Amino acid sequence: MTAKLIDGKQIAEQINVENAVEVARLKQQHGLTPGLAVVLVGDNPASAAYVSSKDKMCARLGMHSEKITLPAITTQTELLAIIARLNQQDNIHGILVQSPTPKQISEEAIFAAIDPGKDVDGFHPLNIGKVAIGDPSGFVPCTPAGVQELLGRCGVVVEGAHVVVLGRSRIVGRPVSLILSQKARNANATVTVVHSKSKNLAEICRSADILIAAIGVARFVKSEMVRDGAVVIDVGINRVEDKTTEKGCRLVGDVDFDAVKQKAGLLTPVPGGVGPMTIAMLMSNTIRAAKMRHGLA
């Protein structure tokens, strides 16, 4: 058996087209242009690339965007002042502070300072709480939302399935386990969360109909951890040495791709799987935030 690859780029493009249509409708019918502000502190190359891609996507969809780049020595007080300004800015409906931030800045304090109605990254405590209780007015973090949308648009039956989530971070593992267990569309699954300290880890992973790998360790999931025909969603993005490439490294996921593709039924590649979905869902969240702000949702 060789797994069928899930084309995250293609599915994200479907969402991007839908988002562009909705932005055009909001402009034409309501004079409303959704706006996103992305704040980058420091000069992390990977973070800068992510911010640039988000800025370009806003331009492509016809959305307003503001990219705020700050030096690595920026204090928490200075960053909080910028967030306070963006909270009051009428043409900004979504605010995202790119993670990770420099060590002098508490990400928890930053996330809590963002207006929950503009927290399109879904990290404000209020939105986390809404996700936990299944309140649809909250914002789901973009990567977990992307995973759920990916499964739905691939025709994977989530209802009644056993989903094993490998990883418990508040960015991916915890929220994806919450949304897939809820009584909702593309959900209603039986969800087990495991991590590096779980006993019988391989055995539990093998029991999964859908295995979501988000542990942050390159090629952690081996073929013996995957049931024949399972759906495997690889959220990991890891840089590993590869002297055959121009940069001397390449991106791999949390799944041992070459081995697991011989057992899985469906499998996301890295790159080109979950990654494009994250940006697409960020745009969707920002559009929804604009509609909610103006009573259109």
C-alpha atoms as a PDB file:
ATOM      1  CA  MET A   1       0.000   0.000   0.000  1.00  0.00           C
ATOM      2  CA  THR A   2       1.188   3.497  -0.827  1.00  0.00           C
ATOM      3  CA  ALA A   3      -0.598   6.409   0.806  1.00  0.00           C
ATOM      4  CA  LYS A   4      -2.509   8.956  -1.202  1.00  0.00           C
ATOM      5  CA  LEU A   5      -1.021  12.357  -0.472  1.00  0.00           C
ATOM      6  CA  ILE A   6      -3.275  15.145   0.763  1.00  0.00           C
ATOM      7  CA  ASP A   7      -2.523  18.273  -1.252  1.00  0.00           C
ATOM      8  CA  GLY A   8      -2.720  21.063   1.314  1.00  0.00           C
ATOM      9  CA  LYS A   9      -1.775  23.671  -1.282  1.00  0.00           C
ATOM     10  CA  GLN A  10      -4.727  22.766  -3.477  1.00  0.00           C
ATOM     11  CA  ILE A  11      -7.228  22.736  -0.618  1.00  0.00           C
ATOM     12  CA  ALA A  12      -5.857  25.998   0.787  1.00  0.00           C
ATOM     13  CA  GLU A  13      -6.250  27.519  -2.676  1.00  0.00           C
ATOM     14  CA  GLN A  14      -9.934  26.573  -2.657  1.00  0.00           C
ATOM     15  CA  ILE A  15     -10.331  28.439   0.633  1.00  0.00           C
ATOM     16  CA  ASN A  16      -8.321  31.405  -0.658  1.00  0.00           C
ATOM     17  CA  VAL A  17     -10.633  31.711  -3.665  1.00  0.00           C
ATOM     18  CA  GLU A  18     -13.673  31.599  -1.376  1.00  0.00           C
ATOM     19  CA  ASN A  19     -12.084  34.220   0.876  1.00  0.00           C
ATOM     20  CA  ALA A  20     -11.385  36.525  -2.083  1.00  0.00           C
ATOM     21  CA  VAL A  21     -15.021  36.281  -3.180  1.00  0.00           C
ATOM     22  CA  GLU A  22     -16.221  37.124   0.340  1.00  0.00           C
ATOM     23  CA  VAL A  23     -13.847  40.097   0.630  1.00  0.00           C
ATOM     24  CA  ALA A  24     -15.143  41.447  -2.685  1.00  0.00           C
ATOM     25  CA  ARG A  25     -18.745  41.012  -1.509  1.00  0.00           C
ATOM     26  CA  LEU A  26     -18.088  42.831   1.768  1.00  0.00           C
ATOM     27  CA  LYS A  27     -16.499  45.727  -0.093  1.00  0.00           C
ATOM     28  CA  GLN A  28     -19.274  45.986  -2.657  1.00  0.00           C
ATOM     29  CA  GLN A  29     -22.271  45.494  -0.392  1.00  0.00           C
ATOM     30  CA  HIS A  30     -21.082  47.019   2.871  1.00  0.00           C
ATOM     31  CA  GLY A  31     -18.034  49.152   2.088  1.00  0.00           C
ATOM     32  CA  LEU A  32     -16.062  46.963   4.466  1.00  0.00           C
ATOM     33  CA  THR A  33     -12.442  45.912   3.904  1.00  0.00           C
ATOM     34  CA  PRO A  34     -11.168  43.313   6.407  1.00  0.00           C
ATOM     35  CA  GLY A  35      -7.854  44.389   7.922  1.00  0.00           C
ATOM     36  CA  LEU A  36      -5.044  42.376   9.514  1.00  0.00           C
ATOM     37  CA  ALA A  37      -2.077  43.685  11.509  1.00  0.00           C
ATOM     38  CA  VAL A  38       0.928  41.396  11.945  1.00  0.00           C
ATOM     39  CA  VAL A  39       3.603  42.373  14.445  1.00  0.00           C
ATOM     40  CA  LEU A  40       7.115  40.932  14.218  1.00  0.00           C
ATOM     41  CA  VAL A  41       9.622  41.503  17.002  1.00  0.00           C
ATOM     42  CA  GLY A  42      13.220  40.687  16.093  1.00  0.00           C
ATOM     43  CA  ASP A  43      14.856  39.344  12.962  1.00  0.00           C
ATOM     44  CA  ASN A  44      14.173  35.595  13.034  1.00  0.00           C
ATOM     45  CA  PRO A  45      14.405  34.613   9.328  1.00  0.00           C
ATOM     46  CA  ALA A  46      11.655  31.983   9.525  1.00  0.00           C
ATOM     47  CA  SER A  47       9.302  34.380  11.305  1.00  0.00           C
ATOM     48  CA  ALA A  48      10.068  37.119   8.785  1.00  0.00           C
ATOM     49  CA  ALA A  49       9.205  34.730   5.954  1.00  0.00           C
ATOM     50  CA  TYR A  50       5.886  33.811   7.611  1.00  0.00           C
ATOM     51  CA  VAL A  51       4.990  37.466   8.127  1.00  0.00           C
ATOM     52  CA  SER A  52       5.821  38.284   4.523  1.00  0.00           C
ATOM     53  CA  SER A  53       3.636  35.442   3.240  1.00  0.00           C
ATOM     54  CA  LYS A  54       0.708  36.655   5.327  1.00  0.00           C
ATOM     55  CA  ASP A  55       1.163  40.201   4.038  1.00  0.00           C
ATOM     56  CA  LYS A  56       1.226  38.972   0.435  1.00  0.00           C
ATOM     57  CA  MET A  57      -1.902  36.881   0.950  1.00  0.00           C
ATOM     58  CA  CYS A  58      -3.780  39.899   2.305  1.00  0.00           C
ATOM     59  CA  ALA A  59      -2.823  41.862  -0.804  1.00  0.00           C
ATOM     60  CA  ARG A  60      -3.914  39.023  -3.061  1.00  0.00           C
ATOM     61  CA  LEU A  61      -7.323  38.726  -1.390  1.00  0.00           C
ATOM     62  CA  GLY A  62      -7.912  42.480  -1.428  1.00  0.00           C
ATOM     63  CA  MET A  63      -7.628  42.854   2.343  1.00  0.00           C
ATOM     64  CA  HIS A  64      -5.992  45.720   4.207  1.00  0.00           C
ATOM     65  CA  SER A  65      -2.778  44.747   5.998  1.00  0.00           C
ATOM     66  CA  GLU A  66      -0.260  46.392   8.262  1.00  0.00           C
ATOM     67  CA  LYS A  67       3.131  44.808   8.894  1.00  0.00           C
ATOM     68  CA  ILE A  68       4.833  46.198  11.980  1.00  0.00           C
ATOM     69  CA  THR A  69       8.478  45.202  12.365  1.00  0.00           C
ATOM     70  CA  LEU A  70      10.165  45.963  15.679  1.00  0.00           C
ATOM     71  CA  PRO A  71      13.774  45.516  16.834  1.00  0.00           C
ATOM     72  CA  ALA A  72      14.686  42.553  19.050  1.00  0.00           C
ATOM     73  CA  ILE A  73      15.338  44.933  21.966  1.00  0.00           C
ATOM     74  CA  THR A  74      11.701  46.068  22.035  1.00  0.00           C
ATOM     75  CA  THR A  75      10.356  45.992  25.587  1.00  0.00           C
ATOM     76  CA  GLN A  76       7.136  44.359  26.653  1.00  0.00           C
ATOM     77  CA  THR A  77       5.741  47.764  27.613  1.00  0.00           C
ATOM     78  CA  GLU A  78       6.451  49.111  24.117  1.00  0.00           C
ATOM     79  CA  LEU A  79       4.807  46.105  22.485  1.00  0.00           C
ATOM     80  CA  LEU A  80       1.755  46.365  24.743  1.00  0.00           C
ATOM     81  CA  ALA A  81       1.375  50.021  23.726  1.00  0.00           C
ATOM     82  CA  ILE A  82       1.314  49.026  20.051  1.00  0.00           C
ATOM     83  CA  ILE A  83      -1.301  46.349  20.739  1.00  0.00           C
ATOM     84  CA  ALA A  84      -3.418  48.866  22.622  1.00  0.00           C
ATOM     85  CA  ARG A  85      -3.311  51.158  19.594  1.00  0.00           C
ATOM     86  CA  LEU A  86      -4.251  48.354  17.206  1.00  0.00           C
ATOM     87  CA  ASN A  87      -7.121  47.329  19.505  1.00  0.00           C
ATOM     88  CA  GLN A  88      -8.613  50.799  18.952  1.00  0.00           C
ATOM     89  CA  GLN A  89      -7.870  51.038  15.227  1.00  0.00           C
ATOM     90  CA  ASP A  90     -11.123  50.732  13.266  1.00  0.00           C
ATOM     91  CA  ASN A  91      -9.581  49.458  10.037  1.00  0.00           C
ATOM     92  CA  ILE A  92      -7.829  46.577  11.819  1.00  0.00           C
ATOM     93  CA  HIS A  93     -10.041  43.582  12.556  1.00  0.00           C
ATOM     94  CA  GLY A  94      -7.367  40.997  13.285  1.00  0.00           C
ATOM     95  CA  ILE A  95      -4.119  41.239  15.259  1.00  0.00           C
ATOM     96  CA  LEU A  96      -1.343  38.669  15.213  1.00  0.00           C
ATOM     97  CA  VAL A  97       1.956  38.861  17.101  1.00  0.00           C
ATOM     98  CA  GLN A  98       4.370  36.467  15.437  1.00  0.00           C
ATOM     99  CA  SER A  99       5.743  33.792  17.740  1.00  0.00           C
ATOM    100  CA  PRO A 100       8.349  33.257  19.106  1.00  0.00           C
ATOM    101  CA  THR A 101       9.045  36.620  20.666  1.00  0.00           C
ATOM    102  CA  PRO A 102      12.341  37.633  22.324  1.00  0.00           C
ATOM    103  CA  LYS A 103      12.906  36.345  25.861  1.00  0.00           C
ATOM    104  CA  GLN A 104      12.143  39.682  27.557  1.00  0.00           C
ATOM    105  CA  ILE A 105       8.539  39.494  26.322  1.00  0.00           C
ATOM    106  CA  SER A 106       5.891  37.297  27.941  1.00  0.00           C
ATOM    107  CA  GLU A 107       3.817  35.783  25.152  1.00  0.00           C
ATOM    108  CA  GLU A 108       1.040  35.021  27.648  1.00  0.00           C
ATOM    109  CA  ALA A 109       0.796  38.718  28.537  1.00  0.00           C
ATOM    110  CA  ILE A 110       0.795  39.699  24.879  1.00  0.00           C
ATOM    111  CA  PHE A 111      -1.913  37.227  23.910  1.00  0.00           C
ATOM    112  CA  ALA A 112      -4.066  38.375  26.844  1.00  0.00           C
ATOM    113  CA  ALA A 113      -3.685  42.038  25.817  1.00  0.00           C
ATOM    114  CA  ILE A 114      -5.155  41.555  22.341  1.00  0.00           C
ATOM    115  CA  ASP A 115      -8.859  42.370  22.025  1.00  0.00           C
ATOM    116  CA  PRO A 116     -10.539  38.901  21.981  1.00  0.00           C
ATOM    117  CA  GLY A 117     -12.642  40.077  19.040  1.00  0.00           C
ATOM    118  CA  LYS A 118      -9.430  40.743  17.083  1.00  0.00           C
ATOM    119  CA  ASP A 119      -7.558  37.669  18.310  1.00  0.00           C
ATOM    120  CA  VAL A 120      -7.561  35.862  14.968  1.00  0.00           C
ATOM    121  CA  ASP A 121      -4.735  33.573  16.152  1.00  0.00           C
ATOM    122  CA  GLY A 122      -7.083  32.179  18.808  1.00  0.00           C
ATOM    123  CA  PHE A 123      -4.658  32.414  21.740  1.00  0.00           C
ATOM    124  CA  HIS A 124      -6.513  34.826  24.050  1.00  0.00           C
ATOM    125  CA  PRO A 125      -7.722  33.040  27.218  1.00  0.00           C
ATOM    126  CA  LEU A 126     -11.328  33.951  26.374  1.00  0.00           C
ATOM    127  CA  ASN A 127     -11.101  32.326  22.949  1.00  0.00           C
ATOM    128  CA  ILE A 128      -9.340  29.278  24.375  1.00  0.00           C
ATOM    129  CA  GLY A 129     -12.205  28.956  26.841  1.00  0.00           C
ATOM    130  CA  LYS A 130     -14.795  29.284  24.080  1.00  0.00           C
ATOM    131  CA  VAL A 131     -13.082  26.545  22.098  1.00  0.00           C
ATOM    132  CA  ALA A 132     -13.085  24.347  25.211  1.00  0.00           C
ATOM    133  CA  ILE A 133     -16.854  24.671  25.731  1.00  0.00           C
ATOM    134  CA  GLY A 134     -17.731  24.591  22.042  1.00  0.00           C
ATOM    135  CA  ASP A 135     -18.861  28.226  21.777  1.00  0.00           C
ATOM    136  CA  PRO A 136     -18.761  28.976  18.024  1.00  0.00           C
ATOM    137  CA  SER A 137     -18.310  32.718  18.588  1.00  0.00           C
ATOM    138  CA  GLY A 138     -14.674  32.145  19.565  1.00  0.00           C
ATOM    139  CA  PHE A 139     -11.686  31.996  17.242  1.00  0.00           C
ATOM    140  CA  VAL A 140     -10.060  28.592  16.773  1.00  0.00           C
ATOM    141  CA  PRO A 141      -6.250  28.675  16.414  1.00  0.00           C
ATOM    142  CA  CYS A 142      -5.400  28.608  12.722  1.00  0.00           C
ATOM    143  CA  THR A 143      -3.426  25.364  12.471  1.00  0.00           C
ATOM    144  CA  PRO A 144      -6.017  23.214  14.332  1.00  0.00           C
ATOM    145  CA  ALA A 145      -8.771  24.852  12.268  1.00  0.00           C
ATOM    146  CA  GLY A 146      -6.760  24.035   9.151  1.00  0.00           C
ATOM    147  CA  VAL A 147      -6.410  20.398  10.184  1.00  0.00           C
ATOM    148  CA  GLN A 148     -10.162  20.075  10.690  1.00  0.00           C
ATOM    149  CA  GLU A 149     -10.904  21.760   7.368  1.00  0.00           C
ATOM    150  CA  LEU A 150      -8.341  19.581   5.610  1.00  0.00           C
ATOM    151  CA  LEU A 151     -10.003  16.419   6.903  1.00  0.00           C
ATOM    152  CA  GLY A 152     -13.470  17.624   5.911  1.00  0.00           C
ATOM    153  CA  ARG A 153     -12.525  18.670   2.407  1.00  0.00           C
ATOM    154  CA  CYS A 154     -10.699  15.385   1.817  1.00  0.00           C
ATOM    155  CA  GLY A 155     -13.866  13.484   2.640  1.00  0.00           C
ATOM    156  CA  VAL A 156     -12.411  11.875   5.752  1.00  0.00           C
ATOM    157  CA  VAL A 157     -15.201  10.754   8.092  1.00  0.00           C
ATOM    158  CA  VAL A 158     -14.263  12.164  11.470  1.00  0.00           C
ATOM    159  CA  GLU A 159     -17.503  11.327  13.267  1.00  0.00           C
ATOM    160  CA  GLY A 160     -17.076   8.163  15.307  1.00  0.00           C
ATOM    161  CA  ALA A 161     -13.416   7.800  14.354  1.00  0.00           C
ATOM    162  CA  HIS A 162     -10.650   7.256  16.878  1.00  0.00           C
ATOM    163  CA  VAL A 163      -8.333  10.244  16.607  1.00  0.00           C
ATOM    164  CA  VAL A 164      -4.956  10.127  18.326  1.00  0.00           C
ATOM    165  CA  VAL A 165      -3.277  13.495  18.786  1.00  0.00           C
ATOM    166  CA  LEU A 166       0.449  13.197  19.382  1.00  0.00           C
ATOM    167  CA  GLY A 167       1.422  16.380  21.246  1.00  0.00           C
ATOM    168  CA  ARG A 168      -0.299  18.584  23.809  1.00  0.00           C
ATOM    169  CA  SER A 169       0.782  22.136  22.998  1.00  0.00           C
ATOM    170  CA  ARG A 170      -1.738  24.945  23.356  1.00  0.00           C
ATOM    171  CA  ILE A 171      -0.994  25.945  19.769  1.00  0.00           C
ATOM    172  CA  VAL A 172      -1.976  22.648  18.119  1.00  0.00           C
ATOM    173  CA  GLY A 173      -2.390  19.536  20.256  1.00  0.00           C
ATOM    174  CA  ARG A 174      -4.845  20.734  22.877  1.00  0.00           C
ATOM    175  CA  PRO A 175      -7.120  22.821  20.639  1.00  0.00           C
ATOM    176  CA  VAL A 176      -7.296  20.218  17.858  1.00  0.00           C
ATOM    177  CA  SER A 177      -8.276  17.581  20.422  1.00  0.00           C
ATOM    178  CA  LEU A 178     -11.029  19.865  21.705  1.00  0.00           C
ATOM    179  CA  ILE A 179     -12.556  20.767  18.339  1.00  0.00           C
ATOM    180  CA  LEU A 180     -12.515  17.224  16.952  1.00  0.00           C
ATOM    181  CA  SER A 181     -14.280  15.830  20.026  1.00  0.00           C
ATOM    182  CA  GLN A 182     -17.115  18.362  19.909  1.00  0.00           C
ATOM    183  CA  LYS A 183     -20.613  17.659  18.635  1.00  0.00           C
ATOM    184  CA  ALA A 184     -20.182  19.544  15.385  1.00  0.00           C
ATOM    185  CA  ARG A 185     -19.466  19.268  11.669  1.00  0.00           C
ATOM    186  CA  ASN A 186     -16.237  17.396  10.881  1.00  0.00           C
ATOM    187  CA  ALA A 187     -15.987  16.382  14.534  1.00  0.00           C
ATOM    188  CA  ASN A 188     -17.728  13.947  16.927  1.00  0.00           C
ATOM    189  CA  ALA A 189     -14.592  11.838  17.177  1.00  0.00           C
ATOM    190  CA  THR A 190     -13.247   9.838  20.090  1.00  0.00           C
ATOM    191  CA  VAL A 191      -9.984  11.642  20.836  1.00  0.00           C
ATOM    192  CA  THR A 192      -6.932  10.400  22.703  1.00  0.00           C
ATOM    193  CA  VAL A 193      -4.078  12.800  23.467  1.00  0.00           C
ATOM    194  CA  VAL A 194      -0.624  11.293  23.903  1.00  0.00           C
ATOM    195  CA  HIS A 195       2.854  12.739  24.307  1.00  0.00           C
ATOM    196  CA  SER A 196       6.483  11.742  24.791  1.00  0.00           C
ATOM    197  CA  LYS A 197       5.845  10.512  28.356  1.00  0.00           C
ATOM    198  CA  SER A 198       2.798   8.382  27.507  1.00  0.00           C
ATOM    199  CA  LYS A 199       3.055   4.666  28.213  1.00  0.00           C
ATOM    200  CA  ASN A 200       2.452   2.263  25.309  1.00  0.00           C
ATOM    201  CA  LEU A 201       2.787   5.184  22.911  1.00  0.00           C
ATOM    202  CA  ALA A 202       3.295   3.132  19.752  1.00  0.00           C
ATOM    203  CA  GLU A 203       0.369   0.860  20.619  1.00  0.00           C
ATOM    204  CA  ILE A 204      -1.992   3.793  21.174  1.00  0.00           C
ATOM    205  CA  CYS A 205      -0.920   5.460  17.928  1.00  0.00           C
ATOM    206  CA  ARG A 206      -1.519   2.188  16.045  1.00  0.00           C
ATOM    207  CA  SER A 207      -5.108   2.180  17.285  1.00  0.00           C
ATOM    208  CA  ALA A 208      -5.853   5.465  15.519  1.00  0.00           C
ATOM    209  CA  ASP A 209      -8.096   5.812  12.507  1.00  0.00           C
ATOM    210  CA  ILE A 210      -6.687   9.356  12.264  1.00  0.00           C
ATOM    211  CA  LEU A 211      -3.250  10.147  13.665  1.00  0.00           C
ATOM    212  CA  ILE A 212      -2.287  13.809  14.081  1.00  0.00           C
ATOM    213  CA  ALA A 213       1.433  14.282  14.704  1.00  0.00           C
ATOM    214  CA  ALA A 214       2.294  17.565  16.432  1.00  0.00           C
ATOM    215  CA  ILE A 215       5.130  16.685  18.794  1.00  0.00           C
ATOM    216  CA  GLY A 216       7.874  18.834  17.261  1.00  0.00           C
ATOM    217  CA  VAL A 217      10.438  16.071  16.748  1.00  0.00           C
ATOM    218  CA  ALA A 218      11.696  15.295  13.257  1.00  0.00           C
ATOM    219  CA  ARG A 219      10.518  11.915  11.897  1.00  0.00           C
ATOM    220  CA  PHE A 220       9.260  10.820  15.332  1.00  0.00           C
ATOM    221  CA  VAL A 221       6.372   8.736  13.972  1.00  0.00           C
ATOM    222  CA  LYS A 222       7.707   5.478  12.560  1.00  0.00           C
ATOM    223  CA  SER A 223       5.850   2.975  10.406  1.00  0.00           C
ATOM    224  CA  GLU A 224       5.264   0.611  13.342  1.00  0.00           C
ATOM    225  CA  MET A 225       3.249   3.376  15.031  1.00  0.00           C
ATOM    226  CA  VAL A 226       0.716   3.560  12.176  1.00  0.00           C
ATOM    227  CA  ARG A 227      -2.156   1.213  11.414  1.00  0.00           C
ATOM    228  CA  ASP A 228      -2.555   0.041   7.831  1.00  0.00           C
ATOM    229  CA  GLY A 229      -4.794   2.472   5.969  1.00  0.00           C
ATOM    230  CA  ALA A 230      -4.841   5.145   8.678  1.00  0.00           C
ATOM    231  CA  VAL A 231      -5.114   8.865   7.924  1.00  0.00           C
ATOM    232  CA  VAL A 232      -1.916  10.592   9.062  1.00  0.00           C
ATOM    233  CA  ILE A 233      -1.799  14.379   9.428  1.00  0.00           C
ATOM    234  CA  ASP A 234       1.733  15.710   9.919  1.00  0.00           C
ATOM    235  CA  VAL A 235       1.770  19.145  11.582  1.00  0.00           C
ATOM    236  CA  GLY A 236       5.502  19.190  12.273  1.00  0.00           C
ATOM    237  CA  ILE A 237       7.991  21.512  10.594  1.00  0.00           C
ATOM    238  CA  ASN A 238      11.606  20.665  11.389  1.00  0.00           C
ATOM    239  CA  ARG A 239      14.870  21.642   9.713  1.00  0.00           C
ATOM    240  CA  VAL A 240      17.344  18.797   9.251  1.00  0.00           C
ATOM    241  CA  GLU A 241      20.785  18.723   7.710  1.00  0.00           C
ATOM    242  CA  ASP A 242      20.919  17.803   4.035  1.00  0.00           C
ATOM    243  CA  LYS A 243      24.206  18.490   2.300  1.00  0.00           C
ATOM    244  CA  THR A 244      22.684  17.683  -1.101  1.00  0.00           C
ATOM    245  CA  THR A 245      20.662  20.926  -0.992  1.00  0.00           C
ATOM    246  CA  GLU A 246      21.896  24.435  -1.679  1.00  0.00           C
ATOM    247  CA  LYS A 247      21.062  25.613   1.847  1.00  0.00           C
ATOM    248  CA  GLY A 248      22.484  22.500   3.478  1.00  0.00           C
ATOM    249  CA  CYS A 249      19.173  21.671   5.137  1.00  0.00           C
ATOM    250  CA  ARG A 250      15.584  20.811   4.334  1.00  0.00           C
ATOM    251  CA  LEU A 251      12.179  20.706   5.980  1.00  0.00           C
ATOM    252  CA  VAL A 252      10.715  17.464   7.305  1.00  0.00           C
ATOM    253  CA  GLY A 253       7.715  16.702   9.458  1.00  0.00           C
ATOM    254  CA  ASP A 254       7.147  14.777  12.664  1.00  0.00           C
ATOM    255  CA  VAL A 255       6.419  11.699  10.548  1.00  0.00           C
ATOM    256  CA  ASP A 256       9.014   9.426   8.948  1.00  0.00           C
ATOM    257  CA  PHE A 257       7.462  10.138   5.560  1.00  0.00           C
ATOM    258  CA  ASP A 258       9.165   7.521   3.360  1.00  0.00           C
ATOM    259  CA  ALA A 259       8.355   4.688   5.756  1.00  0.00           C
ATOM    260  CA  VAL A 260       4.859   5.751   6.792  1.00  0.00           C
ATOM    261  CA  LYS A 261       3.652   6.353   3.242  1.00  0.00           C
ATOM    262  CA  GLN A 262       3.911   2.579   2.714  1.00  0.00           C
ATOM    263  CA  LYS A 263       1.262   1.972   5.411  1.00  0.00           C
ATOM    264  CA  ALA A 264      -1.026   4.990   5.638  1.00  0.00           C
ATOM    265  CA  GLY A 265      -4.127   5.446   3.526  1.00  0.00           C
ATOM    266  CA  LEU A 266      -3.899   9.253   3.427  1.00  0.00           C
ATOM    267  CA  LEU A 267      -0.864  11.311   4.388  1.00  0.00           C
ATOM    268  CA  THR A 268       0.056  14.995   4.404  1.00  0.00           C
ATOM    269  CA  PRO A 269       3.508  15.891   3.054  1.00  0.00           C
ATOM    270  CA  VAL A 270       5.873  18.428   4.598  1.00  0.00           C
ATOM    271  CA  PRO A 271       6.027  20.997   3.162  1.00  0.00           C
ATOM    272  CA  GLY A 272       2.765  21.361   1.240  1.00  0.00           C
ATOM    273  CA  GLY A 273       0.361  19.759   3.689  1.00  0.00           C
ATOM    274  CA  VAL A 274      -0.915  21.554   6.779  1.00  0.00           C
ATOM    275  CA  GLY A 275       1.266  24.666   6.345  1.00  0.00           C
ATOM    276  CA  PRO A 276      -0.717  26.375   3.552  1.00  0.00           C
ATOM    277  CA  MET A 277      -3.925  25.724   5.481  1.00  0.00           C
ATOM    278  CA  THR A 278      -2.719  27.768   8.441  1.00  0.00           C
ATOM    279  CA  ILE A 279      -2.479  30.984   6.429  1.00  0.00           C
ATOM    280  CA  ALA A 280      -5.787  30.299   4.665  1.00  0.00           C
ATOM    281  CA  MET A 281      -7.548  29.903   8.020  1.00  0.00           C
ATOM    282  CA  LEU A 282      -5.897  33.073   9.351  1.00  0.00           C
ATOM    283  CA  MET A 283      -7.473  34.958   6.463  1.00  0.00           C
ATOM    284  CA  SER A 284     -10.828  33.283   7.130  1.00  0.00           C
ATOM    285  CA  ASN A 285     -10.657  34.245  10.810  1.00  0.00           C
ATOM    286  CA  THR A 286      -9.832  37.853   9.918  1.00  0.00           C
ATOM    287  CA  ILE A 287     -12.768  38.083   7.508  1.00  0.00           C
ATOM    288  CA  ARG A 288     -15.080  36.647  10.157  1.00  0.00           C
ATOM    289  CA  ALA A 289     -13.711  39.097  12.748  1.00  0.00           C
ATOM    290  CA  ALA A 290     -14.528  41.999  10.420  1.00  0.00           C
ATOM    291  CA  LYS A 291     -18.056  40.714   9.892  1.00  0.00           C
ATOM    292  CA  MET A 292     -18.578  40.202  13.636  1.00  0.00           C
ATOM    293  CA  ARG A 293     -17.266  43.702  14.402  1.00  0.00           C
ATOM    294  CA  HIS A 294     -19.861  45.190  12.040  1.00  0.00           C
ATOM    295  CA  GLY A 295     -22.745  42.891  12.962  1.00  0.00           C
ATOM    296  CA  LEU A 296     -22.647  40.954   9.703  1.00  0.00           C
ATOM    297  CA  ALA A 297     -21.893  37.491  11.089  1.00  0.00           C
END
